[in-house]
Amino acid sequence: MELLFPAVIVLVSAFAFMNGFHDASLTVGNSVVTRALTPRTALLLAAVFNFIGALLGQSIAEVVVEDVLEFPSAHSEILLVIFAGVLGGLIWNVLTYLAALPASSTHCLLGGLIGAGVVFGTTAHPAILFSTVFAPLVMTPLLAFLLSFILTGIATRVFRSAAPKPLFRGTRVVSSVLTGALSLAHGIQDAQKSAAVMMVAWFAHSTAGPIDYTEIVVSWPVRLIVAAALALGTLLSGWRIARTMSVRMVSMDPVKASVSDLTSSSFMYFAAFVLKLPVSMSFLVAGANLGTQFETGRGTARMRYVLPVAGSWLLTLPIAAVLGALLAAPLLLLA
């Protein structure tokens, strides 16, 4: 048990790294495919803005530890739940990357922790889980699809008579700016969840009495650890998922890429600062990309790639929960 706390810190850092590695190609995929940015420049830009975003904000971390998750009362059990839950989420994140499928790192993490918590006899309130986890999981990609569809239709009509070369040149500049905005939003959203879990582990390790989760504030050392892990994963990211989301599933041009990234980043900022809800960037991008494909009424989306993405969208949270529970079951003997 003495090694449990450092193991948890390493594991949460590894999850943050994989979060950046898994999601980076989603934030830069559209701009790279449409040649707004080179791959090297895009990943460097994304890494910088992910790092900055990871240092901003606290509201989502508060929601995660106070409302979404419920931990056991025994401090050793808290660490065991975090270990099993984060490991379960990490395993599914890696498997979906190898399968070139998007997966919500948010729902990998929350699903794993919920599943592990059930094994140790704790559950969050069903109404809170529905409003903060399940409803946003289902609704935000659908809303992103609808908004992206509307904006693409407007852009198509506004720029119908514009010459393609200058139009695409201008929208590539817009796409580059939006890549930075989306990366910043990703850092704000995703880093807070890992940082919140790491802070709970720190309190479980360093305090003796009951933990008051309303008093947990993410410290700067924890923010820096998570920010560095997220940025490093972003910088070293591969392109497997970008090929699925921006090449195989859809046909993108600079205008559509700008519309999609504008839609995704707008939802991310609105969720972070107004609704204060954890949302999935992966499926916001998927919904927004798909929404750009139907402006003529005849969709150009390729269903053989859309269906596996939809399956990952719906199955990530329950599969992560099952993995977390399976990993927590043998650890229950150590409690």
Protein backbone atom coordinates (compact mmCIF):
# COMPACT_ATOMS: atom_id res chain seq x y z
CA MET A 1 0.00 0.00 0.00
CA GLU A 2 2.96 2.34 0.47
CA LEU A 3 3.52 2.42 -3.28
CA LEU A 4 -0.14 2.99 -4.09
CA PHE A 5 -0.08 6.79 -3.97
CA PRO A 6 2.94 7.26 -6.30
CA ALA A 7 1.46 4.60 -8.58
CA VAL A 8 -1.79 6.59 -8.74
CA ILE A 9 0.08 9.83 -9.54
CA VAL A 10 2.02 8.11 -12.33
CA LEU A 11 -1.15 6.52 -13.68
CA VAL A 12 -3.14 9.78 -13.74
CA SER A 13 -0.19 11.49 -15.45
CA ALA A 14 -0.12 8.66 -18.00
CA PHE A 15 -3.84 9.12 -18.58
CA ALA A 16 -3.33 12.86 -19.18
CA PHE A 17 -0.51 12.04 -21.62
CA MET A 18 -2.73 9.58 -23.50
CA ASN A 19 -5.55 12.10 -23.44
CA GLY A 20 -3.35 14.54 -25.33
CA PHE A 21 -1.94 11.82 -27.59
CA HIS A 22 -5.40 10.48 -28.43
CA ASP A 23 -7.18 13.81 -28.96
CA ALA A 24 -4.51 16.03 -30.55
CA SER A 25 -5.13 14.80 -34.07
CA LEU A 26 -8.81 15.70 -33.60
CA THR A 27 -7.99 19.32 -32.81
CA VAL A 28 -5.58 19.74 -35.73
CA GLY A 29 -6.90 17.17 -38.22
CA ASN A 30 -9.12 19.55 -40.20
CA SER A 31 -6.45 22.23 -40.53
CA VAL A 32 -3.82 19.71 -41.62
CA VAL A 33 -6.08 17.97 -44.13
CA THR A 34 -7.01 21.30 -45.73
CA ARG A 35 -3.35 22.42 -45.70
CA ALA A 36 -3.96 25.39 -43.43
CA LEU A 37 -1.06 24.15 -41.28
CA THR A 38 1.73 21.65 -41.67
CA PRO A 39 1.54 18.64 -39.34
CA ARG A 40 4.58 19.71 -37.31
CA THR A 41 3.34 23.30 -36.90
CA ALA A 42 -0.18 22.15 -36.06
CA LEU A 43 0.95 19.80 -33.29
CA LEU A 44 3.31 22.40 -31.83
CA LEU A 45 0.51 24.97 -31.83
CA ALA A 46 -1.87 22.48 -30.23
CA ALA A 47 0.66 21.49 -27.57
CA VAL A 48 1.30 25.11 -26.56
CA PHE A 49 -2.38 25.99 -26.31
CA ASN A 50 -3.22 22.72 -24.54
CA PHE A 51 -0.58 23.57 -21.93
CA ILE A 52 -1.94 27.10 -21.45
CA GLY A 53 -5.53 25.87 -21.30
CA ALA A 54 -4.62 23.25 -18.72
CA LEU A 55 -3.56 26.02 -16.34
CA LEU A 56 -6.85 27.89 -16.60
CA GLY A 57 -10.08 27.39 -14.73
CA GLN A 58 -11.30 25.36 -11.78
CA SER A 59 -15.06 25.08 -12.25
CA ILE A 60 -15.15 21.72 -14.05
CA ALA A 61 -12.78 20.20 -11.49
CA GLU A 62 -15.20 21.27 -8.76
CA VAL A 63 -18.15 19.68 -10.59
CA VAL A 64 -16.24 16.41 -11.07
CA VAL A 65 -15.19 15.93 -7.43
CA GLU A 66 -18.28 17.44 -5.76
CA ASP A 67 -21.15 16.31 -7.96
CA VAL A 68 -20.24 13.65 -10.53
CA LEU A 69 -18.08 11.25 -8.54
CA GLU A 70 -18.59 9.74 -5.11
CA PHE A 71 -15.62 8.14 -3.39
CA PRO A 72 -15.47 5.73 -0.41
CA SER A 73 -14.83 7.13 3.05
CA ALA A 74 -11.66 5.09 3.74
CA HIS A 75 -8.62 6.83 2.26
CA SER A 76 -6.98 3.61 1.10
CA GLU A 77 -10.16 2.68 -0.76
CA ILE A 78 -10.20 6.08 -2.47
CA LEU A 79 -6.74 5.41 -3.87
CA LEU A 80 -7.75 1.91 -4.98
CA VAL A 81 -10.85 3.24 -6.76
CA ILE A 82 -8.79 5.89 -8.54
CA PHE A 83 -6.14 3.34 -9.53
CA ALA A 84 -8.65 0.86 -10.98
CA GLY A 85 -10.87 3.50 -12.57
CA VAL A 86 -8.11 5.45 -14.26
CA LEU A 87 -6.44 2.25 -15.47
CA GLY A 88 -9.73 1.04 -16.95
CA GLY A 89 -10.21 4.33 -18.78
CA LEU A 90 -6.60 4.31 -19.96
CA ILE A 91 -6.91 0.79 -21.40
CA TRP A 92 -9.99 1.74 -23.44
CA ASN A 93 -8.31 4.95 -24.61
CA VAL A 94 -5.34 2.96 -25.92
CA LEU A 95 -7.51 0.31 -27.57
CA THR A 96 -9.64 2.87 -29.41
CA TYR A 97 -6.52 4.67 -30.62
CA LEU A 98 -5.14 1.43 -32.03
CA ALA A 99 -8.50 0.89 -33.75
CA ALA A 100 -8.29 4.44 -35.21
CA LEU A 101 -11.56 5.36 -33.47
CA PRO A 102 -12.32 8.49 -31.49
CA ALA A 103 -13.15 7.98 -27.84
CA SER A 104 -14.08 10.52 -25.23
CA SER A 105 -11.25 10.70 -22.70
CA THR A 106 -13.77 12.38 -20.40
CA HIS A 107 -16.07 9.39 -20.47
CA CYS A 108 -13.17 6.94 -20.32
CA LEU A 109 -12.11 8.57 -17.05
CA LEU A 110 -15.54 9.09 -15.53
CA GLY A 111 -16.81 5.69 -16.66
CA GLY A 112 -13.79 3.90 -15.20
CA LEU A 113 -14.13 5.70 -11.87
CA ILE A 114 -17.88 5.10 -11.68
CA GLY A 115 -17.40 1.38 -12.37
CA ALA A 116 -14.63 1.05 -9.79
CA GLY A 117 -16.67 3.02 -7.27
CA VAL A 118 -19.64 0.66 -7.63
CA VAL A 119 -17.41 -2.29 -6.68
CA PHE A 120 -16.40 -0.45 -3.52
CA GLY A 121 -20.03 0.31 -2.68
CA THR A 122 -20.33 3.94 -3.79
CA THR A 123 -22.47 5.46 -6.52
CA ALA A 124 -23.21 9.01 -7.53
CA HIS A 125 -26.81 10.22 -7.53
CA PRO A 126 -28.57 9.00 -10.71
CA ALA A 127 -30.13 12.39 -11.47
CA ILE A 128 -26.75 14.12 -11.22
CA LEU A 129 -25.09 11.49 -13.38
CA PHE A 130 -27.77 11.91 -16.01
CA SER A 131 -27.60 15.71 -16.13
CA THR A 132 -23.81 16.05 -15.97
CA VAL A 133 -22.57 12.95 -17.82
CA PHE A 134 -25.16 11.01 -19.83
CA ALA A 135 -27.22 13.89 -21.25
CA PRO A 136 -24.18 15.90 -22.46
CA LEU A 137 -22.69 12.70 -23.94
CA VAL A 138 -25.75 12.21 -26.13
CA MET A 139 -26.89 15.77 -26.77
CA THR A 140 -23.73 17.77 -27.50
CA PRO A 141 -22.66 15.86 -30.65
CA LEU A 142 -26.22 16.10 -31.99
CA LEU A 143 -26.35 19.84 -31.29
CA ALA A 144 -22.90 20.27 -32.86
CA PHE A 145 -24.15 18.44 -35.96
CA LEU A 146 -27.18 20.72 -36.20
CA LEU A 147 -25.25 23.97 -35.69
CA SER A 148 -22.53 22.93 -38.11
CA PHE A 149 -25.17 22.00 -40.70
CA ILE A 150 -26.82 25.44 -40.36
CA LEU A 151 -23.54 27.37 -40.50
CA THR A 152 -22.35 25.39 -43.52
CA GLY A 153 -25.57 26.22 -45.33
CA ILE A 154 -25.15 29.91 -44.52
CA ALA A 155 -21.49 29.91 -45.58
CA THR A 156 -22.34 28.13 -48.83
CA ARG A 157 -24.87 30.80 -49.75
CA VAL A 158 -22.74 33.75 -48.65
CA PHE A 159 -19.63 32.61 -50.53
CA ARG A 160 -21.39 31.04 -53.52
CA SER A 161 -20.00 33.60 -55.97
CA ALA A 162 -16.55 33.88 -54.41
CA ALA A 163 -13.51 32.68 -56.35
CA PRO A 164 -12.30 29.40 -54.78
CA LYS A 165 -8.59 30.24 -54.48
CA PRO A 166 -8.85 33.51 -52.48
CA LEU A 167 -11.77 32.08 -50.49
CA PHE A 168 -9.81 29.00 -49.47
CA ARG A 169 -6.72 31.10 -48.76
CA GLY A 170 -8.67 33.26 -46.33
CA THR A 171 -10.46 30.39 -44.64
CA ARG A 172 -7.16 28.57 -44.13
CA VAL A 173 -6.04 31.53 -42.01
CA VAL A 174 -9.30 31.32 -40.05
CA SER A 175 -8.83 27.57 -39.67
CA SER A 176 -5.34 28.10 -38.22
CA VAL A 177 -6.70 30.51 -35.60
CA LEU A 178 -9.54 28.16 -34.74
CA THR A 179 -7.08 25.28 -34.28
CA GLY A 180 -5.43 27.28 -31.51
CA ALA A 181 -8.82 28.14 -30.01
CA LEU A 182 -9.95 24.51 -30.05
CA SER A 183 -6.67 23.36 -28.50
CA LEU A 184 -7.02 25.94 -25.73
CA ALA A 185 -10.58 24.77 -25.07
CA HIS A 186 -9.41 21.16 -25.00
CA GLY A 187 -6.78 22.01 -22.39
CA ILE A 188 -9.34 23.85 -20.26
CA GLN A 189 -11.84 21.00 -20.41
CA ASP A 190 -9.76 17.83 -20.22
CA ALA A 191 -6.93 18.83 -17.90
CA GLN A 192 -9.28 19.82 -15.10
CA LYS A 193 -10.73 16.32 -14.87
CA SER A 194 -7.35 14.61 -14.49
CA ALA A 195 -6.17 17.34 -12.12
CA ALA A 196 -9.28 16.95 -9.96
CA VAL A 197 -8.72 13.21 -9.62
CA MET A 198 -5.05 13.75 -8.79
CA MET A 199 -5.99 16.24 -6.06
CA VAL A 200 -8.44 13.76 -4.52
CA ALA A 201 -5.62 11.22 -4.43
CA TRP A 202 -3.35 13.77 -2.76
CA PHE A 203 -5.92 14.53 -0.06
CA ALA A 204 -6.52 10.81 0.51
CA HIS A 205 -2.79 10.30 0.96
CA SER A 206 -1.89 13.38 3.03
CA THR A 207 -4.87 13.85 5.35
CA ALA A 208 -6.16 11.67 8.15
CA GLY A 209 -9.72 12.89 8.68
CA PRO A 210 -12.76 12.95 6.40
CA ILE A 211 -12.23 14.76 3.11
CA ASP A 212 -14.36 17.82 2.46
CA TYR A 213 -14.62 17.75 -1.33
CA THR A 214 -16.03 21.28 -1.42
CA GLU A 215 -12.67 22.50 -0.09
CA ILE A 216 -10.55 20.85 -2.78
CA VAL A 217 -8.71 23.38 -4.92
CA VAL A 218 -6.35 22.15 -7.62
CA SER A 219 -2.85 23.21 -6.61
CA TRP A 220 -0.36 24.69 -9.05
CA PRO A 221 2.06 21.75 -8.88
CA VAL A 222 -0.78 19.42 -9.89
CA ARG A 223 -1.86 21.78 -12.68
CA LEU A 224 1.68 21.89 -14.01
CA ILE A 225 2.08 18.09 -13.91
CA VAL A 226 -1.16 17.52 -15.79
CA ALA A 227 -0.50 20.38 -18.22
CA ALA A 228 2.96 19.03 -19.05
CA ALA A 229 1.65 15.49 -19.56
CA LEU A 230 -1.23 16.69 -21.75
CA ALA A 231 1.04 18.92 -23.85
CA LEU A 232 3.68 16.22 -24.30
CA GLY A 233 1.09 13.71 -25.43
CA THR A 234 -0.25 16.31 -27.87
CA LEU A 235 3.20 17.04 -29.28
CA LEU A 236 3.95 13.34 -29.86
CA SER A 237 0.52 12.46 -31.23
CA GLY A 238 -0.04 10.29 -34.28
CA TRP A 239 -2.56 10.61 -37.11
CA ARG A 240 -4.61 7.40 -37.00
CA ILE A 241 -7.78 9.05 -35.68
CA ALA A 242 -7.38 12.19 -37.82
CA ARG A 243 -7.47 10.01 -40.92
CA THR A 244 -10.74 8.48 -39.73
CA MET A 245 -12.39 11.76 -38.72
CA SER A 246 -11.17 14.20 -41.37
CA VAL A 247 -10.38 12.02 -44.40
CA ARG A 248 -12.18 8.67 -44.45
CA MET A 249 -15.45 9.65 -42.78
CA VAL A 250 -15.96 13.02 -44.53
CA SER A 251 -14.75 15.21 -47.39
CA MET A 252 -13.37 18.49 -46.02
CA ASP A 253 -12.42 21.78 -47.65
CA PRO A 254 -11.12 24.93 -45.87
CA VAL A 255 -14.60 26.43 -45.48
CA LYS A 256 -16.06 23.27 -43.97
CA ALA A 257 -13.02 22.83 -41.74
CA SER A 258 -13.45 26.37 -40.39
CA VAL A 259 -17.16 25.84 -39.78
CA SER A 260 -16.54 22.57 -37.96
CA ASP A 261 -13.75 23.94 -35.75
CA LEU A 262 -15.80 27.06 -34.95
CA THR A 263 -18.73 24.89 -33.91
CA SER A 264 -16.62 22.54 -31.78
CA SER A 265 -14.66 25.26 -30.00
CA SER A 266 -17.83 27.30 -29.32
CA PHE A 267 -19.47 24.32 -27.62
CA MET A 268 -16.31 23.60 -25.61
CA TYR A 269 -16.05 27.16 -24.25
CA PHE A 270 -19.78 27.38 -23.57
CA ALA A 271 -19.71 24.09 -21.65
CA ALA A 272 -16.60 25.09 -19.66
CA PHE A 273 -17.49 28.66 -18.67
CA VAL A 274 -21.29 28.86 -18.82
CA LEU A 275 -22.69 25.37 -18.17
CA LYS A 276 -19.60 24.20 -16.22
CA LEU A 277 -20.08 20.68 -17.56
CA PRO A 278 -17.51 18.12 -18.72
CA VAL A 279 -18.06 17.38 -22.41
CA SER A 280 -16.34 15.24 -25.03
CA MET A 281 -14.33 17.10 -27.65
CA SER A 282 -13.93 13.91 -29.69
CA PHE A 283 -17.60 13.58 -30.48
CA LEU A 284 -18.21 17.31 -30.75
CA VAL A 285 -15.68 17.26 -33.61
CA ALA A 286 -17.31 14.16 -35.07
CA GLY A 287 -20.75 15.76 -34.97
CA ALA A 288 -19.48 19.07 -36.35
CA ASN A 289 -17.54 17.38 -39.17
CA LEU A 290 -20.59 15.35 -40.16
CA GLY A 291 -22.78 18.46 -40.08
CA THR A 292 -20.72 20.07 -42.83
CA GLN A 293 -21.43 17.23 -45.24
CA PHE A 294 -25.13 17.79 -45.91
CA GLU A 295 -25.35 21.37 -47.17
CA THR A 296 -26.63 20.25 -50.57
CA GLY A 297 -29.11 17.75 -49.12
CA ARG A 298 -27.04 14.83 -50.40
CA GLY A 299 -24.66 13.75 -47.71
CA THR A 300 -21.05 12.95 -48.54
CA ALA A 301 -20.35 11.18 -45.25
CA ARG A 302 -19.12 7.60 -45.63
CA MET A 303 -21.30 5.38 -43.47
CA ARG A 304 -18.81 2.51 -43.19
CA TYR A 305 -16.70 4.86 -41.06
CA VAL A 306 -19.58 6.73 -39.41
CA LEU A 307 -21.09 3.60 -37.85
CA PRO A 308 -17.97 2.50 -35.92
CA VAL A 309 -17.55 6.11 -34.69
CA ALA A 310 -21.18 6.09 -33.51
CA GLY A 311 -20.57 2.79 -31.74
CA SER A 312 -17.58 4.24 -29.91
CA TRP A 313 -19.67 7.29 -28.99
CA LEU A 314 -22.33 5.18 -27.29
CA LEU A 315 -20.16 2.40 -25.83
CA THR A 316 -17.15 4.23 -24.41
CA LEU A 317 -18.66 5.10 -21.05
CA PRO A 318 -20.21 1.69 -20.27
CA ILE A 319 -17.14 -0.23 -21.48
CA ALA A 320 -14.84 1.97 -19.37
CA ALA A 321 -17.15 1.38 -16.40
CA VAL A 322 -16.98 -2.39 -16.90
CA LEU A 323 -13.18 -2.28 -17.18
CA GLY A 324 -12.95 -0.17 -14.03
CA ALA A 325 -15.18 -2.59 -12.16
CA LEU A 326 -13.24 -5.66 -13.34
CA LEU A 327 -9.95 -4.10 -12.28
CA ALA A 328 -11.39 -2.97 -8.94
CA ALA A 329 -12.79 -6.38 -7.98
CA PRO A 330 -9.44 -8.01 -7.07
CA LEU A 331 -8.27 -4.78 -5.38
CA LEU A 332 -11.24 -5.00 -3.03
CA LEU A 333 -9.31 -7.75 -1.21
CA LEU A 334 -6.56 -5.23 -0.38
CA ALA A 335 -8.90 -2.69 1.20
